[in-house]
Amino acid sequence: MRGREEWRGWLRTYGDPKGQRVLPERLHAEVRSDLYDERVVKLAVWLVAVAPGWACVEQTVGDSRTWLAWVPRDRVHVLGAQVL
């Protein structure tokens, strides 16, 4: 069993908002948010779902593992010409 140290570098998730909508395809994005170890970072992520005021991003946390985190929408910047 893995200990607490494993998830210290993962984005902090802020819950399970109502009105969730999974996007038809993932969008390249950057997020500036906090990790479970309390550092604030900017990371390249995939935007995978939205809800009013919220964004669900997919963070790579290992060679073949990912983590989904709901963060305030204003912390996420979609890259390129993609529009929500």
C-alpha atoms as a PDB file:
ATOM      1  CA  MET A   1       0.000   0.000   0.000  1.00  0.00           C
ATOM      2  CA  ARG A   2       1.285   3.435  -0.880  1.00  0.00           C
ATOM      3  CA  GLY A   3       1.500   6.093   1.762  1.00  0.00           C
ATOM      4  CA  ARG A   4       0.461   9.676   1.968  1.00  0.00           C
ATOM      5  CA  GLU A   5       3.636  10.882   0.236  1.00  0.00           C
ATOM      6  CA  GLU A   6       2.392   9.600  -3.115  1.00  0.00           C
ATOM      7  CA  TRP A   7      -0.384  12.188  -3.457  1.00  0.00           C
ATOM      8  CA  ARG A   8       1.351  15.219  -1.960  1.00  0.00           C
ATOM      9  CA  GLY A   9       2.221  16.433  -5.474  1.00  0.00           C
ATOM     10  CA  TRP A  10      -1.291  16.014  -6.842  1.00  0.00           C
ATOM     11  CA  LEU A  11      -3.650  18.917  -7.514  1.00  0.00           C
ATOM     12  CA  ARG A  12      -6.048  19.551  -4.668  1.00  0.00           C
ATOM     13  CA  THR A  13      -9.625  18.788  -5.680  1.00  0.00           C
ATOM     14  CA  TYR A  14     -12.374  21.031  -4.396  1.00  0.00           C
ATOM     15  CA  GLY A  15     -15.348  18.737  -4.438  1.00  0.00           C
ATOM     16  CA  ASP A  16     -17.992  17.359  -6.728  1.00  0.00           C
ATOM     17  CA  PRO A  17     -19.962  20.292  -8.183  1.00  0.00           C
ATOM     18  CA  LYS A  18     -23.495  20.077  -9.515  1.00  0.00           C
ATOM     19  CA  GLY A  19     -24.223  20.544 -13.218  1.00  0.00           C
ATOM     20  CA  GLN A  20     -21.194  18.644 -14.487  1.00  0.00           C
ATOM     21  CA  ARG A  21     -20.721  18.246 -18.235  1.00  0.00           C
ATOM     22  CA  VAL A  22     -18.040  15.980 -19.686  1.00  0.00           C
ATOM     23  CA  LEU A  23     -16.429  17.569 -22.732  1.00  0.00           C
ATOM     24  CA  PRO A  24     -16.664  15.668 -26.027  1.00  0.00           C
ATOM     25  CA  GLU A  25     -12.856  15.705 -26.183  1.00  0.00           C
ATOM     26  CA  ARG A  26     -10.087  16.723 -23.811  1.00  0.00           C
ATOM     27  CA  LEU A  27      -8.618  20.199 -24.277  1.00  0.00           C
ATOM     28  CA  HIS A  28      -4.999  21.201 -23.660  1.00  0.00           C
ATOM     29  CA  ALA A  29      -4.880  23.638 -20.758  1.00  0.00           C
ATOM     30  CA  GLU A  30      -2.747  25.121 -18.013  1.00  0.00           C
ATOM     31  CA  VAL A  31      -3.840  25.313 -14.417  1.00  0.00           C
ATOM     32  CA  ARG A  32      -2.437  27.460 -11.623  1.00  0.00           C
ATOM     33  CA  SER A  33      -3.603  25.887  -8.394  1.00  0.00           C
ATOM     34  CA  ASP A  34      -2.457  24.287  -5.172  1.00  0.00           C
ATOM     35  CA  LEU A  35      -1.228  20.784  -4.468  1.00  0.00           C
ATOM     36  CA  TYR A  36      -1.975  18.669  -1.412  1.00  0.00           C
ATOM     37  CA  ASP A  37       1.445  19.657  -0.051  1.00  0.00           C
ATOM     38  CA  GLU A  38       0.230  23.315  -0.154  1.00  0.00           C
ATOM     39  CA  ARG A  39       2.559  24.494  -2.944  1.00  0.00           C
ATOM     40  CA  VAL A  40       0.955  26.614  -5.678  1.00  0.00           C
ATOM     41  CA  VAL A  41       2.066  25.513  -9.149  1.00  0.00           C
ATOM     42  CA  LYS A  42       1.355  26.005 -12.827  1.00  0.00           C
ATOM     43  CA  LEU A  43       0.908  22.703 -14.686  1.00  0.00           C
ATOM     44  CA  ALA A  44       0.041  21.516 -18.177  1.00  0.00           C
ATOM     45  CA  VAL A  45      -3.155  19.451 -17.907  1.00  0.00           C
ATOM     46  CA  TRP A  46      -6.134  18.260 -19.890  1.00  0.00           C
ATOM     47  CA  LEU A  47      -9.498  19.930 -19.318  1.00  0.00           C
ATOM     48  CA  VAL A  48     -12.025  17.077 -19.306  1.00  0.00           C
ATOM     49  CA  ALA A  49     -15.256  18.430 -17.783  1.00  0.00           C
ATOM     50  CA  VAL A  50     -16.910  21.645 -16.635  1.00  0.00           C
ATOM     51  CA  ALA A  51     -19.609  22.737 -14.219  1.00  0.00           C
ATOM     52  CA  PRO A  52     -20.833  26.252 -13.403  1.00  0.00           C
ATOM     53  CA  GLY A  53     -17.745  27.994 -11.963  1.00  0.00           C
ATOM     54  CA  TRP A  54     -15.651  24.795 -11.988  1.00  0.00           C
ATOM     55  CA  ALA A  55     -13.292  22.871 -14.249  1.00  0.00           C
ATOM     56  CA  CYS A  56     -12.197  19.259 -13.988  1.00  0.00           C
ATOM     57  CA  VAL A  57      -8.605  18.744 -15.060  1.00  0.00           C
ATOM     58  CA  GLU A  58      -6.618  15.581 -15.626  1.00  0.00           C
ATOM     59  CA  GLN A  59      -3.097  15.629 -14.193  1.00  0.00           C
ATOM     60  CA  THR A  60      -0.448  13.041 -15.088  1.00  0.00           C
ATOM     61  CA  VAL A  61       0.823  11.589 -11.788  1.00  0.00           C
ATOM     62  CA  GLY A  62       2.900   8.666 -12.999  1.00  0.00           C
ATOM     63  CA  ASP A  63       4.001   6.834 -16.113  1.00  0.00           C
ATOM     64  CA  SER A  64       0.498   5.612 -16.870  1.00  0.00           C
ATOM     65  CA  ARG A  65      -1.608   7.174 -14.103  1.00  0.00           C
ATOM     66  CA  THR A  66      -3.725  10.276 -13.983  1.00  0.00           C
ATOM     67  CA  TRP A  67      -5.625  12.211 -11.315  1.00  0.00           C
ATOM     68  CA  LEU A  68      -8.836  14.201 -11.810  1.00  0.00           C
ATOM     69  CA  ALA A  69      -9.313  17.366  -9.793  1.00  0.00           C
ATOM     70  CA  TRP A  70     -12.133  19.911  -9.697  1.00  0.00           C
ATOM     71  CA  VAL A  71     -10.690  23.413  -9.399  1.00  0.00           C
ATOM     72  CA  PRO A  72     -12.227  26.890  -9.688  1.00  0.00           C
ATOM     73  CA  ARG A  73     -12.725  27.666 -13.395  1.00  0.00           C
ATOM     74  CA  ASP A  74     -10.748  30.907 -13.272  1.00  0.00           C
ATOM     75  CA  ARG A  75      -7.578  28.924 -12.468  1.00  0.00           C
ATOM     76  CA  VAL A  76      -7.660  27.120 -15.832  1.00  0.00           C
ATOM     77  CA  HIS A  77      -6.492  28.575 -19.148  1.00  0.00           C
ATOM     78  CA  VAL A  78      -7.353  26.631 -22.310  1.00  0.00           C
ATOM     79  CA  LEU A  79      -4.412  26.642 -24.751  1.00  0.00           C
ATOM     80  CA  GLY A  80      -4.649  27.352 -28.461  1.00  0.00           C
ATOM     81  CA  ALA A  81      -7.743  28.380 -30.359  1.00  0.00           C
ATOM     82  CA  GLN A  82     -10.044  25.992 -28.485  1.00  0.00           C
ATOM     83  CA  VAL A  83     -13.156  27.556 -26.969  1.00  0.00           C
ATOM     84  CA  LEU A  84     -15.543  26.112 -24.417  1.00  0.00           C
END
